[in-house]
């Protein structure tokens, strides 16, 4: 099924995986994390203490908290980029399995952000390119008190900057659960193969 949220394409597996985590939290917690994700877009101060309280109340580990915020960030950016109205966005999120109260709350909040389109233009990441990348696998405990075995995590290190200009290059380190990394890698390889076939066709 095609979704306007993804430019008329299928919903990628990595997004469905993130959405499954969002679906486990209450609508109030989802909205706290949605606002925090938008604050990050606007480069505002984030109330990490409040987020930590939400994380503990919902029984999430740190990676799951990052997944929810990453999902909210993608929803805000894509729905703005592809010009979805609040009803359209809520309908698509509900079809993808998100509870309706969360879908409605997130959609109405994002639709109320009149300055978000101009903000995304100002900080458009397409001005930058990934110049180098490395990754390594390591294992981390779920928490200091958990008796569960350490979980495999991929640490992805990127060097990002504008092509032909090394003066403002910056390093970015991202930690992704190994299973989510496999989904992301498969999606990227599929996109790469599609672009290569298109350019040589």
N, C-alpha and C. Protein backbone atom coordinates (compact mmCIF):
# COMPACT_ATOMS: atom_id res chain seq x y z
N UNK A 1 0.84 -1.20 0.00
CA UNK A 1 0.00 0.00 0.00
C UNK A 1 0.88 1.25 0.00
N UNK A 2 0.50 2.25 -0.77
CA UNK A 2 1.27 3.48 -0.90
C UNK A 2 0.75 4.53 0.08
N UNK A 3 1.66 5.34 0.59
CA UNK A 3 1.30 6.36 1.58
C UNK A 3 1.88 7.71 1.18
N UNK A 4 1.06 8.73 1.27
CA UNK A 4 1.51 10.08 0.97
C UNK A 4 2.62 10.51 1.93
N UNK A 5 2.60 9.97 3.16
CA UNK A 5 3.61 10.28 4.16
C UNK A 5 5.00 9.90 3.67
N UNK A 6 5.08 8.97 2.71
CA UNK A 6 6.37 8.55 2.17
C UNK A 6 6.48 8.87 0.68
N UNK A 7 5.83 9.96 0.30
CA UNK A 7 5.93 10.42 -1.08
C UNK A 7 5.25 9.51 -2.08
N UNK A 8 4.20 8.79 -1.63
CA UNK A 8 3.48 7.90 -2.54
C UNK A 8 4.13 6.53 -2.67
N UNK A 9 5.07 6.21 -1.77
CA UNK A 9 5.74 4.92 -1.80
C UNK A 9 5.26 4.05 -0.64
N UNK A 10 5.72 2.80 -0.62
CA UNK A 10 5.41 1.90 0.49
C UNK A 10 6.05 2.42 1.78
N UNK A 11 5.43 2.07 2.89
CA UNK A 11 6.03 2.41 4.18
C UNK A 11 7.25 1.51 4.41
N UNK A 12 8.42 2.08 4.68
CA UNK A 12 9.61 1.24 4.90
C UNK A 12 9.51 0.42 6.18
N UNK A 13 10.18 -0.71 6.18
CA UNK A 13 10.12 -1.61 7.33
C UNK A 13 10.67 -0.96 8.59
N UNK A 14 11.71 -0.14 8.44
CA UNK A 14 12.30 0.47 9.63
C UNK A 14 11.31 1.40 10.33
N UNK A 15 10.45 2.07 9.54
CA UNK A 15 9.47 2.97 10.15
C UNK A 15 8.39 2.16 10.88
N UNK A 16 7.96 1.07 10.27
CA UNK A 16 6.98 0.21 10.94
C UNK A 16 7.52 -0.31 12.27
N UNK A 17 8.81 -0.61 12.28
CA UNK A 17 9.43 -1.09 13.51
C UNK A 17 9.41 -0.01 14.59
N UNK A 18 9.72 1.24 14.21
CA UNK A 18 9.66 2.34 15.16
C UNK A 18 8.23 2.59 15.63
N UNK A 19 7.29 2.51 14.69
CA UNK A 19 5.89 2.77 15.03
C UNK A 19 5.35 1.75 16.02
N UNK A 20 5.86 0.53 15.94
CA UNK A 20 5.44 -0.50 16.89
C UNK A 20 5.82 -0.11 18.32
N UNK A 21 6.97 0.54 18.48
CA UNK A 21 7.37 1.00 19.81
C UNK A 21 6.47 2.15 20.27
N UNK A 22 6.17 3.09 19.37
CA UNK A 22 5.29 4.22 19.71
C UNK A 22 3.93 3.70 20.19
N UNK A 23 3.45 2.64 19.56
CA UNK A 23 2.12 2.12 19.87
C UNK A 23 2.01 1.57 21.29
N UNK A 24 3.14 1.34 21.95
CA UNK A 24 3.10 0.77 23.30
C UNK A 24 2.95 1.83 24.39
N UNK A 25 3.06 3.11 24.05
CA UNK A 25 3.03 4.15 25.09
C UNK A 25 1.66 4.82 25.11
N UNK A 26 1.39 5.56 26.18
CA UNK A 26 0.12 6.28 26.29
C UNK A 26 0.13 7.49 25.37
N UNK A 27 -1.05 8.01 25.07
CA UNK A 27 -1.13 9.18 24.19
C UNK A 27 -0.46 10.39 24.83
N UNK A 28 -0.54 10.50 26.17
CA UNK A 28 0.10 11.63 26.85
C UNK A 28 1.62 11.55 26.71
N UNK A 29 2.18 10.38 26.89
CA UNK A 29 3.63 10.22 26.76
C UNK A 29 4.07 10.43 25.31
N UNK A 30 3.26 9.94 24.37
CA UNK A 30 3.59 10.12 22.96
C UNK A 30 3.66 11.60 22.61
N UNK A 31 2.75 12.40 23.17
CA UNK A 31 2.74 13.82 22.86
C UNK A 31 3.95 14.53 23.48
N UNK A 32 4.36 14.11 24.68
CA UNK A 32 5.55 14.69 25.29
C UNK A 32 6.77 14.46 24.39
N UNK A 33 6.88 13.25 23.87
CA UNK A 33 8.02 12.93 23.02
C UNK A 33 7.90 13.56 21.64
N UNK A 34 6.68 13.74 21.16
CA UNK A 34 6.47 14.42 19.88
C UNK A 34 6.91 15.89 20.00
N UNK A 35 6.52 16.55 21.08
CA UNK A 35 6.92 17.95 21.29
C UNK A 35 8.43 18.07 21.43
N UNK A 36 9.05 17.09 22.10
CA UNK A 36 10.50 17.11 22.25
C UNK A 36 11.19 16.95 20.89
N UNK A 37 10.65 16.08 20.03
CA UNK A 37 11.22 15.89 18.70
C UNK A 37 11.13 17.17 17.88
N UNK A 38 9.99 17.88 18.02
CA UNK A 38 9.82 19.15 17.30
C UNK A 38 10.75 20.22 17.88
N UNK A 39 10.92 20.21 19.20
CA UNK A 39 11.86 21.15 19.82
C UNK A 39 13.26 20.95 19.25
N UNK A 40 13.63 19.72 18.99
CA UNK A 40 14.94 19.44 18.42
C UNK A 40 15.07 20.04 17.02
N UNK A 41 13.99 19.96 16.24
CA UNK A 41 14.01 20.56 14.89
C UNK A 41 14.23 22.06 14.98
N UNK A 42 13.58 22.69 15.98
CA UNK A 42 13.71 24.14 16.16
C UNK A 42 14.95 24.52 16.98
N UNK A 43 15.74 23.51 17.36
CA UNK A 43 16.96 23.72 18.16
C UNK A 43 16.65 24.43 19.48
N UNK A 44 15.54 24.05 20.08
CA UNK A 44 15.18 24.56 21.40
C UNK A 44 15.73 23.62 22.47
N UNK A 45 15.77 24.13 23.70
CA UNK A 45 16.19 23.29 24.82
C UNK A 45 15.15 22.19 25.04
N UNK A 46 15.63 20.99 25.25
CA UNK A 46 14.76 19.84 25.49
C UNK A 46 14.75 19.51 26.97
N UNK A 47 13.58 19.27 27.50
CA UNK A 47 13.44 18.93 28.91
C UNK A 47 13.75 17.44 29.09
N UNK A 48 15.03 17.13 29.24
CA UNK A 48 15.45 15.73 29.36
C UNK A 48 14.96 15.09 30.65
N UNK A 49 14.80 15.91 31.68
CA UNK A 49 14.30 15.37 32.94
C UNK A 49 12.87 14.86 32.78
N UNK A 50 12.06 15.61 32.06
CA UNK A 50 10.69 15.17 31.80
C UNK A 50 10.69 13.90 30.95
N UNK A 51 11.55 13.87 29.93
CA UNK A 51 11.63 12.69 29.07
C UNK A 51 12.07 11.46 29.85
N UNK A 52 12.99 11.65 30.79
CA UNK A 52 13.43 10.53 31.61
C UNK A 52 12.28 10.02 32.47
N UNK A 53 11.45 10.94 32.98
CA UNK A 53 10.29 10.54 33.74
C UNK A 53 9.31 9.74 32.90
N UNK A 54 9.09 10.19 31.66
CA UNK A 54 8.21 9.47 30.74
C UNK A 54 8.78 8.09 30.44
N UNK A 55 10.08 8.04 30.19
CA UNK A 55 10.72 6.77 29.88
C UNK A 55 10.52 5.75 31.01
N UNK A 56 10.72 6.20 32.24
CA UNK A 56 10.56 5.31 33.38
C UNK A 56 9.09 4.90 33.56
N UNK A 57 8.18 5.86 33.40
CA UNK A 57 6.76 5.57 33.58
C UNK A 57 6.25 4.55 32.56
N UNK A 58 6.80 4.62 31.35
CA UNK A 58 6.35 3.72 30.27
C UNK A 58 7.14 2.42 30.23
N UNK A 59 8.18 2.32 31.06
CA UNK A 59 8.98 1.11 31.07
C UNK A 59 9.84 0.95 29.83
N UNK A 60 10.27 2.07 29.24
CA UNK A 60 11.10 2.02 28.04
C UNK A 60 12.57 2.04 28.42
N UNK A 61 13.40 1.39 27.61
CA UNK A 61 14.83 1.58 27.79
C UNK A 61 15.26 2.77 26.94
N UNK A 62 16.52 3.16 27.05
CA UNK A 62 17.00 4.36 26.37
C UNK A 62 16.86 4.25 24.86
N UNK A 63 17.12 3.07 24.31
CA UNK A 63 17.01 2.89 22.86
C UNK A 63 15.57 3.04 22.39
N UNK A 64 14.65 2.54 23.16
CA UNK A 64 13.24 2.68 22.79
C UNK A 64 12.79 4.15 22.84
N UNK A 65 13.30 4.89 23.83
CA UNK A 65 12.99 6.32 23.88
C UNK A 65 13.49 7.02 22.62
N UNK A 66 14.70 6.70 22.21
CA UNK A 66 15.26 7.29 21.00
C UNK A 66 14.46 6.87 19.77
N UNK A 67 13.97 5.63 19.77
CA UNK A 67 13.15 5.17 18.65
C UNK A 67 11.86 5.97 18.53
N UNK A 68 11.20 6.20 19.66
CA UNK A 68 9.95 6.96 19.63
C UNK A 68 10.21 8.38 19.15
N UNK A 69 11.25 9.02 19.67
CA UNK A 69 11.55 10.39 19.25
C UNK A 69 11.96 10.44 17.78
N UNK A 70 12.71 9.44 17.34
CA UNK A 70 13.09 9.38 15.93
C UNK A 70 11.88 9.21 15.02
N UNK A 71 10.92 8.40 15.49
CA UNK A 71 9.69 8.20 14.72
C UNK A 71 8.90 9.50 14.63
N UNK A 72 8.78 10.21 15.76
CA UNK A 72 8.06 11.48 15.76
C UNK A 72 8.73 12.51 14.86
N UNK A 73 10.05 12.51 14.88
CA UNK A 73 10.80 13.42 14.00
C UNK A 73 10.49 13.13 12.53
N UNK A 74 10.50 11.85 12.17
CA UNK A 74 10.20 11.46 10.78
C UNK A 74 8.79 11.85 10.38
N UNK A 75 7.84 11.66 11.29
CA UNK A 75 6.45 12.03 11.00
C UNK A 75 6.34 13.53 10.77
N UNK A 76 6.97 14.32 11.64
CA UNK A 76 6.89 15.78 11.50
C UNK A 76 7.51 16.25 10.18
N UNK A 77 8.69 15.72 9.87
CA UNK A 77 9.39 16.14 8.65
C UNK A 77 8.66 15.69 7.40
N UNK A 78 8.29 14.40 7.34
CA UNK A 78 7.66 13.88 6.12
C UNK A 78 6.27 14.46 5.88
N UNK A 79 5.49 14.62 6.95
CA UNK A 79 4.13 15.15 6.76
C UNK A 79 4.19 16.60 6.29
N UNK A 80 5.20 17.33 6.72
CA UNK A 80 5.38 18.71 6.25
C UNK A 80 5.89 18.74 4.83
N UNK A 81 6.87 17.91 4.55
CA UNK A 81 7.48 17.88 3.21
C UNK A 81 6.46 17.48 2.14
N UNK A 82 5.59 16.52 2.47
CA UNK A 82 4.63 16.03 1.49
C UNK A 82 3.24 16.64 1.67
N UNK A 83 3.16 17.67 2.52
CA UNK A 83 1.96 18.51 2.64
C UNK A 83 0.70 17.71 3.00
N UNK A 84 0.77 16.94 4.08
CA UNK A 84 -0.40 16.22 4.55
C UNK A 84 -1.20 17.09 5.51
N UNK A 85 -2.50 17.09 5.34
CA UNK A 85 -3.36 17.76 6.31
C UNK A 85 -3.46 16.89 7.56
N UNK A 86 -3.98 17.48 8.65
CA UNK A 86 -4.12 16.71 9.89
C UNK A 86 -4.99 15.45 9.69
N UNK A 87 -6.16 15.56 9.01
CA UNK A 87 -6.96 14.34 8.80
C UNK A 87 -6.23 13.30 7.95
N UNK A 88 -5.50 13.75 6.92
CA UNK A 88 -4.77 12.81 6.07
C UNK A 88 -3.69 12.08 6.88
N UNK A 89 -2.94 12.84 7.66
CA UNK A 89 -1.86 12.24 8.45
C UNK A 89 -2.42 11.27 9.48
N UNK A 90 -3.47 11.68 10.18
CA UNK A 90 -4.07 10.81 11.18
C UNK A 90 -4.57 9.51 10.55
N UNK A 91 -5.20 9.63 9.38
CA UNK A 91 -5.72 8.44 8.69
C UNK A 91 -4.59 7.48 8.33
N UNK A 92 -3.50 8.01 7.80
CA UNK A 92 -2.40 7.15 7.38
C UNK A 92 -1.70 6.50 8.58
N UNK A 93 -1.50 7.28 9.64
CA UNK A 93 -0.87 6.71 10.83
C UNK A 93 -1.74 5.62 11.45
N UNK A 94 -3.04 5.83 11.44
CA UNK A 94 -3.95 4.81 11.98
C UNK A 94 -3.92 3.56 11.11
N UNK A 95 -3.86 3.74 9.80
CA UNK A 95 -3.76 2.59 8.90
C UNK A 95 -2.47 1.81 9.12
N UNK A 96 -1.42 2.52 9.54
CA UNK A 96 -0.14 1.87 9.78
C UNK A 96 -0.07 1.19 11.16
N UNK A 97 -1.14 1.33 11.93
CA UNK A 97 -1.21 0.61 13.20
C UNK A 97 -1.08 1.44 14.44
N UNK A 98 -0.96 2.77 14.30
CA UNK A 98 -0.85 3.62 15.49
C UNK A 98 -2.24 3.83 16.09
N UNK A 99 -2.39 3.73 17.42
CA UNK A 99 -3.70 3.98 18.03
C UNK A 99 -4.27 5.33 17.62
N UNK A 100 -5.58 5.40 17.44
CA UNK A 100 -6.20 6.61 16.89
C UNK A 100 -6.00 7.83 17.78
N UNK A 101 -5.99 7.65 19.11
CA UNK A 101 -5.81 8.83 19.96
C UNK A 101 -4.42 9.44 19.78
N UNK A 102 -3.41 8.58 19.60
CA UNK A 102 -2.07 9.10 19.33
C UNK A 102 -2.00 9.71 17.94
N UNK A 103 -2.59 9.04 16.96
CA UNK A 103 -2.59 9.56 15.59
C UNK A 103 -3.23 10.94 15.53
N UNK A 104 -4.38 11.10 16.17
CA UNK A 104 -5.09 12.38 16.15
C UNK A 104 -4.27 13.47 16.86
N UNK A 105 -3.73 13.14 18.04
CA UNK A 105 -2.97 14.13 18.80
C UNK A 105 -1.74 14.61 18.07
N UNK A 106 -0.96 13.66 17.53
CA UNK A 106 0.26 14.01 16.80
C UNK A 106 -0.08 14.82 15.54
N UNK A 107 -1.09 14.40 14.81
CA UNK A 107 -1.47 15.07 13.57
C UNK A 107 -1.93 16.50 13.82
N UNK A 108 -2.78 16.69 14.82
CA UNK A 108 -3.27 18.04 15.13
C UNK A 108 -2.14 18.95 15.59
N UNK A 109 -1.21 18.40 16.39
CA UNK A 109 -0.09 19.20 16.88
C UNK A 109 0.81 19.64 15.74
N UNK A 110 1.18 18.72 14.86
CA UNK A 110 2.07 19.06 13.75
C UNK A 110 1.39 20.04 12.81
N UNK A 111 0.09 19.86 12.57
CA UNK A 111 -0.64 20.77 11.67
C UNK A 111 -0.70 22.18 12.23
N UNK A 112 -0.59 22.31 13.56
CA UNK A 112 -0.67 23.64 14.18
C UNK A 112 0.63 24.42 14.09
N UNK A 113 1.69 23.79 13.60
CA UNK A 113 3.02 24.43 13.55
C UNK A 113 3.18 25.17 12.23
N UNK A 114 2.66 26.39 12.19
CA UNK A 114 2.68 27.17 10.95
C UNK A 114 4.08 27.46 10.43
N UNK A 115 5.05 27.54 11.32
CA UNK A 115 6.41 27.91 10.91
C UNK A 115 7.29 26.69 10.61
N UNK A 116 6.76 25.49 10.75
CA UNK A 116 7.57 24.30 10.52
C UNK A 116 8.08 24.19 9.08
N UNK A 117 7.26 24.46 8.05
CA UNK A 117 7.80 24.38 6.69
C UNK A 117 9.00 25.29 6.47
N UNK A 118 8.92 26.53 6.93
CA UNK A 118 10.05 27.46 6.74
C UNK A 118 11.24 27.02 7.57
N UNK A 119 10.99 26.44 8.75
CA UNK A 119 12.09 25.96 9.58
C UNK A 119 12.83 24.82 8.89
N UNK A 120 12.11 23.92 8.27
CA UNK A 120 12.74 22.79 7.59
C UNK A 120 13.53 23.26 6.37
N UNK A 121 13.07 24.31 5.72
CA UNK A 121 13.83 24.87 4.60
C UNK A 121 15.13 25.48 5.10
N UNK A 122 15.05 26.18 6.24
CA UNK A 122 16.23 26.83 6.80
C UNK A 122 17.30 25.82 7.19
N UNK A 123 16.89 24.69 7.77
CA UNK A 123 17.85 23.69 8.23
C UNK A 123 17.83 22.45 7.34
N UNK A 124 17.57 22.64 6.06
CA UNK A 124 17.42 21.53 5.12
C UNK A 124 18.67 20.66 5.12
N UNK A 125 18.55 19.40 5.54
CA UNK A 125 19.73 18.54 5.59
C UNK A 125 20.28 18.17 4.22
N UNK A 126 19.52 18.45 3.16
CA UNK A 126 20.02 18.11 1.83
C UNK A 126 21.21 18.96 1.42
N UNK A 127 21.49 20.04 2.16
CA UNK A 127 22.67 20.84 1.89
C UNK A 127 23.94 20.10 2.25
N UNK A 128 23.82 19.12 3.13
CA UNK A 128 24.97 18.36 3.59
C UNK A 128 24.99 16.99 2.95
N UNK A 129 26.17 16.38 3.01
CA UNK A 129 26.31 15.03 2.49
C UNK A 129 27.12 14.21 3.48
N UNK A 130 26.90 12.91 3.48
CA UNK A 130 27.71 12.02 4.31
C UNK A 130 29.02 11.75 3.58
N UNK A 131 30.12 12.17 4.19
CA UNK A 131 31.43 12.04 3.54
C UNK A 131 32.13 10.73 3.89
N UNK A 132 31.88 10.24 5.06
CA UNK A 132 32.47 8.96 5.45
C UNK A 132 31.61 8.32 6.52
N UNK A 133 31.71 7.01 6.63
CA UNK A 133 30.93 6.31 7.65
C UNK A 133 31.65 5.04 8.07
N UNK A 134 31.56 4.74 9.34
CA UNK A 134 32.08 3.48 9.87
C UNK A 134 31.08 2.96 10.89
N UNK A 135 31.08 1.67 11.11
CA UNK A 135 30.20 1.14 12.15
C UNK A 135 30.86 -0.05 12.83
N UNK A 136 30.48 -0.25 14.07
CA UNK A 136 30.98 -1.40 14.81
C UNK A 136 29.87 -1.92 15.71
N UNK A 137 29.96 -3.20 16.00
CA UNK A 137 28.95 -3.87 16.83
C UNK A 137 29.47 -4.04 18.25
N UNK A 138 28.64 -3.68 19.22
CA UNK A 138 28.99 -3.96 20.59
C UNK A 138 27.72 -4.32 21.36
N UNK A 139 27.85 -4.72 22.60
CA UNK A 139 26.72 -5.18 23.40
C UNK A 139 26.56 -4.29 24.63
N UNK A 140 25.33 -3.90 24.90
CA UNK A 140 25.06 -3.05 26.06
C UNK A 140 23.92 -3.66 26.88
N UNK A 141 23.96 -3.50 28.20
CA UNK A 141 22.86 -4.00 29.04
C UNK A 141 21.62 -3.14 28.86
N UNK A 142 20.44 -3.73 29.03
CA UNK A 142 19.20 -2.97 28.93
C UNK A 142 19.14 -1.89 30.00
N UNK A 143 19.61 -2.20 31.19
CA UNK A 143 19.68 -1.22 32.27
C UNK A 143 20.65 -1.76 33.31
N UNK A 144 20.99 -0.91 34.27
CA UNK A 144 21.95 -1.31 35.29
C UNK A 144 21.39 -2.39 36.21
N UNK A 145 20.07 -2.52 36.26
CA UNK A 145 19.45 -3.50 37.15
C UNK A 145 18.89 -4.71 36.41
N UNK A 146 18.95 -4.70 35.09
CA UNK A 146 18.36 -5.78 34.31
C UNK A 146 19.22 -7.04 34.37
N UNK A 147 18.56 -8.20 34.48
CA UNK A 147 19.28 -9.47 34.46
C UNK A 147 19.33 -10.07 33.07
N UNK A 148 18.69 -9.40 32.10
CA UNK A 148 18.68 -9.89 30.73
C UNK A 148 20.07 -9.76 30.12
N UNK A 149 20.41 -10.62 29.16
CA UNK A 149 21.74 -10.53 28.54
C UNK A 149 21.88 -9.21 27.77
N UNK A 150 23.12 -8.72 27.64
CA UNK A 150 23.35 -7.49 26.88
C UNK A 150 22.82 -7.62 25.45
N UNK A 151 22.30 -6.51 24.92
CA UNK A 151 21.72 -6.51 23.59
C UNK A 151 22.73 -5.99 22.56
N UNK A 152 22.76 -6.61 21.35
CA UNK A 152 23.68 -6.13 20.31
C UNK A 152 23.24 -4.76 19.78
N UNK A 153 24.18 -3.85 19.71
CA UNK A 153 23.91 -2.49 19.25
C UNK A 153 24.98 -2.10 18.24
N UNK A 154 24.57 -1.45 17.17
CA UNK A 154 25.51 -0.95 16.16
C UNK A 154 25.78 0.52 16.43
N UNK A 155 27.06 0.87 16.55
CA UNK A 155 27.45 2.27 16.69
C UNK A 155 27.88 2.77 15.32
N UNK A 156 27.12 3.69 14.78
CA UNK A 156 27.36 4.23 13.45
C UNK A 156 28.00 5.61 13.58
N UNK A 157 29.18 5.78 13.00
CA UNK A 157 29.91 7.05 13.07
C UNK A 157 29.94 7.68 11.68
N UNK A 158 29.43 8.90 11.57
CA UNK A 158 29.34 9.59 10.30
C UNK A 158 30.13 10.90 10.34
N UNK A 159 30.71 11.25 9.21
CA UNK A 159 31.27 12.58 9.01
C UNK A 159 30.39 13.28 7.99
N UNK A 160 29.78 14.39 8.40
CA UNK A 160 28.79 15.09 7.57
C UNK A 160 29.27 16.50 7.28
N UNK A 161 29.05 16.95 6.04
CA UNK A 161 29.42 18.32 5.68
C UNK A 161 29.03 18.61 4.25
N UNK A 162 29.33 19.82 3.79
CA UNK A 162 29.00 20.21 2.44
C UNK A 162 30.09 19.73 1.48
N UNK A 163 29.66 19.27 0.32
CA UNK A 163 30.60 18.76 -0.67
C UNK A 163 31.58 19.86 -1.07
N UNK A 164 32.87 19.51 -1.10
CA UNK A 164 33.88 20.46 -1.53
C UNK A 164 34.30 21.45 -0.47
N UNK A 165 33.78 21.32 0.74
CA UNK A 165 34.10 22.25 1.82
C UNK A 165 34.26 21.47 3.11
N UNK A 166 35.50 21.38 3.59
CA UNK A 166 35.78 20.60 4.79
C UNK A 166 35.78 21.46 6.06
N UNK A 167 35.57 22.76 5.93
CA UNK A 167 35.72 23.65 7.08
C UNK A 167 34.68 23.41 8.16
N UNK A 168 33.48 22.98 7.77
CA UNK A 168 32.40 22.84 8.75
C UNK A 168 31.95 21.38 8.88
N UNK A 169 32.85 20.45 8.57
CA UNK A 169 32.50 19.04 8.76
C UNK A 169 32.23 18.76 10.24
N UNK A 170 31.32 17.88 10.49
CA UNK A 170 31.00 17.52 11.87
C UNK A 170 30.80 16.01 11.98
N UNK A 171 31.14 15.52 13.13
CA UNK A 171 31.00 14.08 13.40
C UNK A 171 29.67 13.82 14.09
N UNK A 172 29.07 12.72 13.74
CA UNK A 172 27.80 12.33 14.35
C UNK A 172 27.85 10.84 14.68
N UNK A 173 27.55 10.52 15.93
CA UNK A 173 27.55 9.12 16.36
C UNK A 173 26.13 8.70 16.72
N UNK A 174 25.71 7.59 16.16
CA UNK A 174 24.35 7.10 16.36
C UNK A 174 24.42 5.65 16.81
N UNK A 175 23.65 5.32 17.83
CA UNK A 175 23.55 3.93 18.26
C UNK A 175 22.19 3.36 17.86
N UNK A 176 22.21 2.23 17.16
CA UNK A 176 20.99 1.62 16.65
C UNK A 176 20.99 0.14 17.05
N UNK A 177 19.88 -0.36 17.61
CA UNK A 177 19.80 -1.81 17.86
C UNK A 177 20.11 -2.59 16.59
N UNK A 178 20.82 -3.69 16.74
CA UNK A 178 21.31 -4.43 15.58
C UNK A 178 20.20 -4.84 14.62
N UNK A 179 19.03 -5.24 15.16
CA UNK A 179 17.95 -5.66 14.27
C UNK A 179 17.41 -4.49 13.45
N UNK A 180 17.34 -3.29 14.08
CA UNK A 180 16.89 -2.11 13.34
C UNK A 180 17.91 -1.71 12.28
N UNK A 181 19.21 -1.91 12.59
CA UNK A 181 20.27 -1.59 11.62
C UNK A 181 20.15 -2.48 10.40
N UNK A 182 19.82 -3.75 10.61
CA UNK A 182 19.66 -4.65 9.46
C UNK A 182 18.51 -4.19 8.58
N UNK A 183 17.38 -3.76 9.19
CA UNK A 183 16.25 -3.24 8.41
C UNK A 183 16.69 -2.02 7.61
N UNK A 184 17.38 -1.09 8.28
CA UNK A 184 17.81 0.15 7.62
C UNK A 184 18.76 -0.15 6.48
N UNK A 185 19.71 -1.04 6.70
CA UNK A 185 20.68 -1.38 5.66
C UNK A 185 19.99 -1.99 4.45
N UNK A 186 19.01 -2.87 4.69
CA UNK A 186 18.28 -3.50 3.58
C UNK A 186 17.52 -2.45 2.78
N UNK A 187 16.88 -1.48 3.48
CA UNK A 187 16.15 -0.41 2.79
C UNK A 187 17.10 0.43 1.95
N UNK A 188 18.26 0.77 2.50
CA UNK A 188 19.23 1.59 1.77
C UNK A 188 19.78 0.86 0.55
N UNK A 189 20.03 -0.43 0.69
CA UNK A 189 20.53 -1.20 -0.44
C UNK A 189 19.49 -1.29 -1.55
N UNK A 190 18.22 -1.45 -1.15
CA UNK A 190 17.14 -1.47 -2.15
C UNK A 190 17.06 -0.14 -2.88
N UNK A 191 17.14 0.96 -2.13
CA UNK A 191 17.10 2.29 -2.74
C UNK A 191 18.28 2.50 -3.68
N UNK A 192 19.46 2.04 -3.25
CA UNK A 192 20.67 2.19 -4.08
C UNK A 192 20.52 1.42 -5.39
N UNK A 193 20.04 0.18 -5.30
CA UNK A 193 19.87 -0.63 -6.51
C UNK A 193 18.85 0.00 -7.45
N UNK A 194 17.77 0.56 -6.88
CA UNK A 194 16.74 1.21 -7.71
C UNK A 194 17.31 2.42 -8.43
N UNK A 195 18.07 3.24 -7.73
CA UNK A 195 18.66 4.44 -8.35
C UNK A 195 19.68 4.06 -9.42
N UNK A 196 20.46 3.00 -9.17
CA UNK A 196 21.45 2.57 -10.14
C UNK A 196 20.79 2.06 -11.42
N UNK A 197 19.72 1.29 -11.27
CA UNK A 197 19.00 0.79 -12.44
C UNK A 197 18.37 1.92 -13.22
N UNK A 198 17.85 2.93 -12.49
CA UNK A 198 17.22 4.07 -13.14
C UNK A 198 18.24 4.88 -13.94
N UNK A 199 19.42 5.09 -13.35
CA UNK A 199 20.44 5.92 -14.00
C UNK A 199 21.07 5.23 -15.19
N UNK A 200 21.05 3.87 -15.21
CA UNK A 200 21.69 3.14 -16.33
C UNK A 200 20.65 2.61 -17.30
N UNK A 201 19.34 2.83 -16.98
CA UNK A 201 18.28 2.28 -17.83
C UNK A 201 18.03 3.10 -19.08
